[in-house]
Amino acid sequence: MRGVDGGFALDVPDDEVLRGKLTEVFERHGVVTGTDGFLMLPIPQHVVAGVLVDAIDRVNVGAAFLRDLVRVDG
């Protein structure tokens, strides 16, 4: 998981069983496939003085996402 413009890019394991377990967490948090083909946890943004800024606290969103991920039985 790394911060990028518009949210967090996600690197997921190749293990299909574990990926299946992660699907519910991804759906609950609104993970989407980005234009580059990578999975992304989007952070809503808006324009302030011509610059895109997060509309919500990305640290809190990321922390909640990570808490749910560690609960997945892998």
C-alpha atoms as a PDB file:
ATOM      1  CA  MET A   1       0.000   0.000   0.000  1.00  0.00           C
ATOM      2  CA  ARG A   2       1.450   3.346  -1.016  1.00  0.00           C
ATOM      3  CA  GLY A   3       0.096   6.854  -1.190  1.00  0.00           C
ATOM      4  CA  VAL A   4      -0.527   8.232  -4.690  1.00  0.00           C
ATOM      5  CA  ASP A   5      -2.476  11.110  -6.190  1.00  0.00           C
ATOM      6  CA  GLY A   6      -6.119  10.318  -5.552  1.00  0.00           C
ATOM      7  CA  GLY A   7      -5.672   7.642  -2.895  1.00  0.00           C
ATOM      8  CA  PHE A   8      -3.652   4.542  -2.108  1.00  0.00           C
ATOM      9  CA  ALA A   9      -2.262   2.108  -4.681  1.00  0.00           C
ATOM     10  CA  LEU A  10      -2.435  -1.495  -3.512  1.00  0.00           C
ATOM     11  CA  ASP A  11      -0.091  -4.376  -4.221  1.00  0.00           C
ATOM     12  CA  VAL A  12      -1.968  -7.637  -3.749  1.00  0.00           C
ATOM     13  CA  PRO A  13      -0.555 -11.130  -3.300  1.00  0.00           C
ATOM     14  CA  ASP A  14      -0.501 -13.683  -6.117  1.00  0.00           C
ATOM     15  CA  ASP A  15      -2.128 -16.250  -3.807  1.00  0.00           C
ATOM     16  CA  GLU A  16      -5.673 -16.698  -5.186  1.00  0.00           C
ATOM     17  CA  VAL A  17      -7.047 -18.029  -1.871  1.00  0.00           C
ATOM     18  CA  LEU A  18      -5.811 -14.975   0.024  1.00  0.00           C
ATOM     19  CA  ARG A  19      -7.032 -12.653  -2.742  1.00  0.00           C
ATOM     20  CA  GLY A  20     -10.479 -14.175  -2.353  1.00  0.00           C
ATOM     21  CA  LYS A  21     -10.424 -13.425   1.365  1.00  0.00           C
ATOM     22  CA  LEU A  22      -9.402  -9.822   0.669  1.00  0.00           C
ATOM     23  CA  THR A  23     -12.267  -9.224  -1.768  1.00  0.00           C
ATOM     24  CA  GLU A  24     -14.776  -8.471   0.988  1.00  0.00           C
ATOM     25  CA  VAL A  25     -12.448  -5.898   2.574  1.00  0.00           C
ATOM     26  CA  PHE A  26     -11.805  -4.308  -0.820  1.00  0.00           C
ATOM     27  CA  GLU A  27     -15.539  -4.067  -1.565  1.00  0.00           C
ATOM     28  CA  ARG A  28     -16.331  -2.632   1.872  1.00  0.00           C
ATOM     29  CA  HIS A  29     -13.744   0.123   1.413  1.00  0.00           C
ATOM     30  CA  GLY A  30     -14.552   0.918  -2.226  1.00  0.00           C
ATOM     31  CA  VAL A  31     -11.325  -0.361  -3.789  1.00  0.00           C
ATOM     32  CA  VAL A  32     -11.374   0.069  -7.567  1.00  0.00           C
ATOM     33  CA  THR A  33      -9.164  -0.842 -10.495  1.00  0.00           C
ATOM     34  CA  GLY A  34      -7.302   2.291 -11.579  1.00  0.00           C
ATOM     35  CA  THR A  35      -6.623   3.361 -15.157  1.00  0.00           C
ATOM     36  CA  ASP A  36      -3.157   1.800 -14.878  1.00  0.00           C
ATOM     37  CA  GLY A  37      -4.663  -1.605 -14.002  1.00  0.00           C
ATOM     38  CA  PHE A  38      -3.587  -1.507 -10.363  1.00  0.00           C
ATOM     39  CA  LEU A  39      -6.019  -1.668  -7.476  1.00  0.00           C
ATOM     40  CA  MET A  40      -6.613   1.611  -5.688  1.00  0.00           C
ATOM     41  CA  LEU A  41      -8.324   2.751  -2.521  1.00  0.00           C
ATOM     42  CA  PRO A  42      -9.610   6.125  -3.701  1.00  0.00           C
ATOM     43  CA  ILE A  43      -9.702   9.217  -1.515  1.00  0.00           C
ATOM     44  CA  PRO A  44     -12.336  11.789  -2.530  1.00  0.00           C
ATOM     45  CA  GLN A  45     -10.793  15.096  -3.536  1.00  0.00           C
ATOM     46  CA  HIS A  46     -11.873  18.600  -4.453  1.00  0.00           C
ATOM     47  CA  VAL A  47     -10.181  21.658  -5.905  1.00  0.00           C
ATOM     48  CA  VAL A  48      -8.966  24.442  -3.623  1.00  0.00           C
ATOM     49  CA  ALA A  49      -7.241  27.399  -5.248  1.00  0.00           C
ATOM     50  CA  GLY A  50      -6.636  25.329  -8.369  1.00  0.00           C
ATOM     51  CA  VAL A  51      -5.089  22.398  -6.486  1.00  0.00           C
ATOM     52  CA  LEU A  52      -6.615  18.988  -5.748  1.00  0.00           C
ATOM     53  CA  VAL A  53      -6.769  18.308  -2.009  1.00  0.00           C
ATOM     54  CA  ASP A  54      -8.198  15.406  -0.047  1.00  0.00           C
ATOM     55  CA  ALA A  55     -11.804  15.938   0.975  1.00  0.00           C
ATOM     56  CA  ILE A  56     -11.409  13.509   3.879  1.00  0.00           C
ATOM     57  CA  ASP A  57      -8.540  12.506   6.148  1.00  0.00           C
ATOM     58  CA  ARG A  58      -6.574   9.917   4.146  1.00  0.00           C
ATOM     59  CA  VAL A  59      -4.644   8.816   7.217  1.00  0.00           C
ATOM     60  CA  ASN A  60      -7.856   7.763   8.981  1.00  0.00           C
ATOM     61  CA  VAL A  61      -9.134   6.020   5.836  1.00  0.00           C
ATOM     62  CA  GLY A  62      -5.845   4.182   5.379  1.00  0.00           C
ATOM     63  CA  ALA A  63      -5.713   3.164   9.040  1.00  0.00           C
ATOM     64  CA  ALA A  64      -9.252   1.769   8.955  1.00  0.00           C
ATOM     65  CA  PHE A  65      -8.418  -0.142   5.768  1.00  0.00           C
ATOM     66  CA  LEU A  66      -5.240  -1.608   7.299  1.00  0.00           C
ATOM     67  CA  ARG A  67      -7.112  -2.601  10.479  1.00  0.00           C
ATOM     68  CA  ASP A  68      -9.573  -4.576   8.351  1.00  0.00           C
ATOM     69  CA  LEU A  69      -6.753  -6.174   6.362  1.00  0.00           C
ATOM     70  CA  VAL A  70      -4.958  -7.487   9.441  1.00  0.00           C
ATOM     71  CA  ARG A  71      -8.186  -9.134  10.571  1.00  0.00           C
ATOM     72  CA  VAL A  72      -8.249 -11.282   7.406  1.00  0.00           C
ATOM     73  CA  ASP A  73      -7.212 -14.827   8.222  1.00  0.00           C
ATOM     74  CA  GLY A  74      -4.314 -15.429   5.846  1.00  0.00           C
END
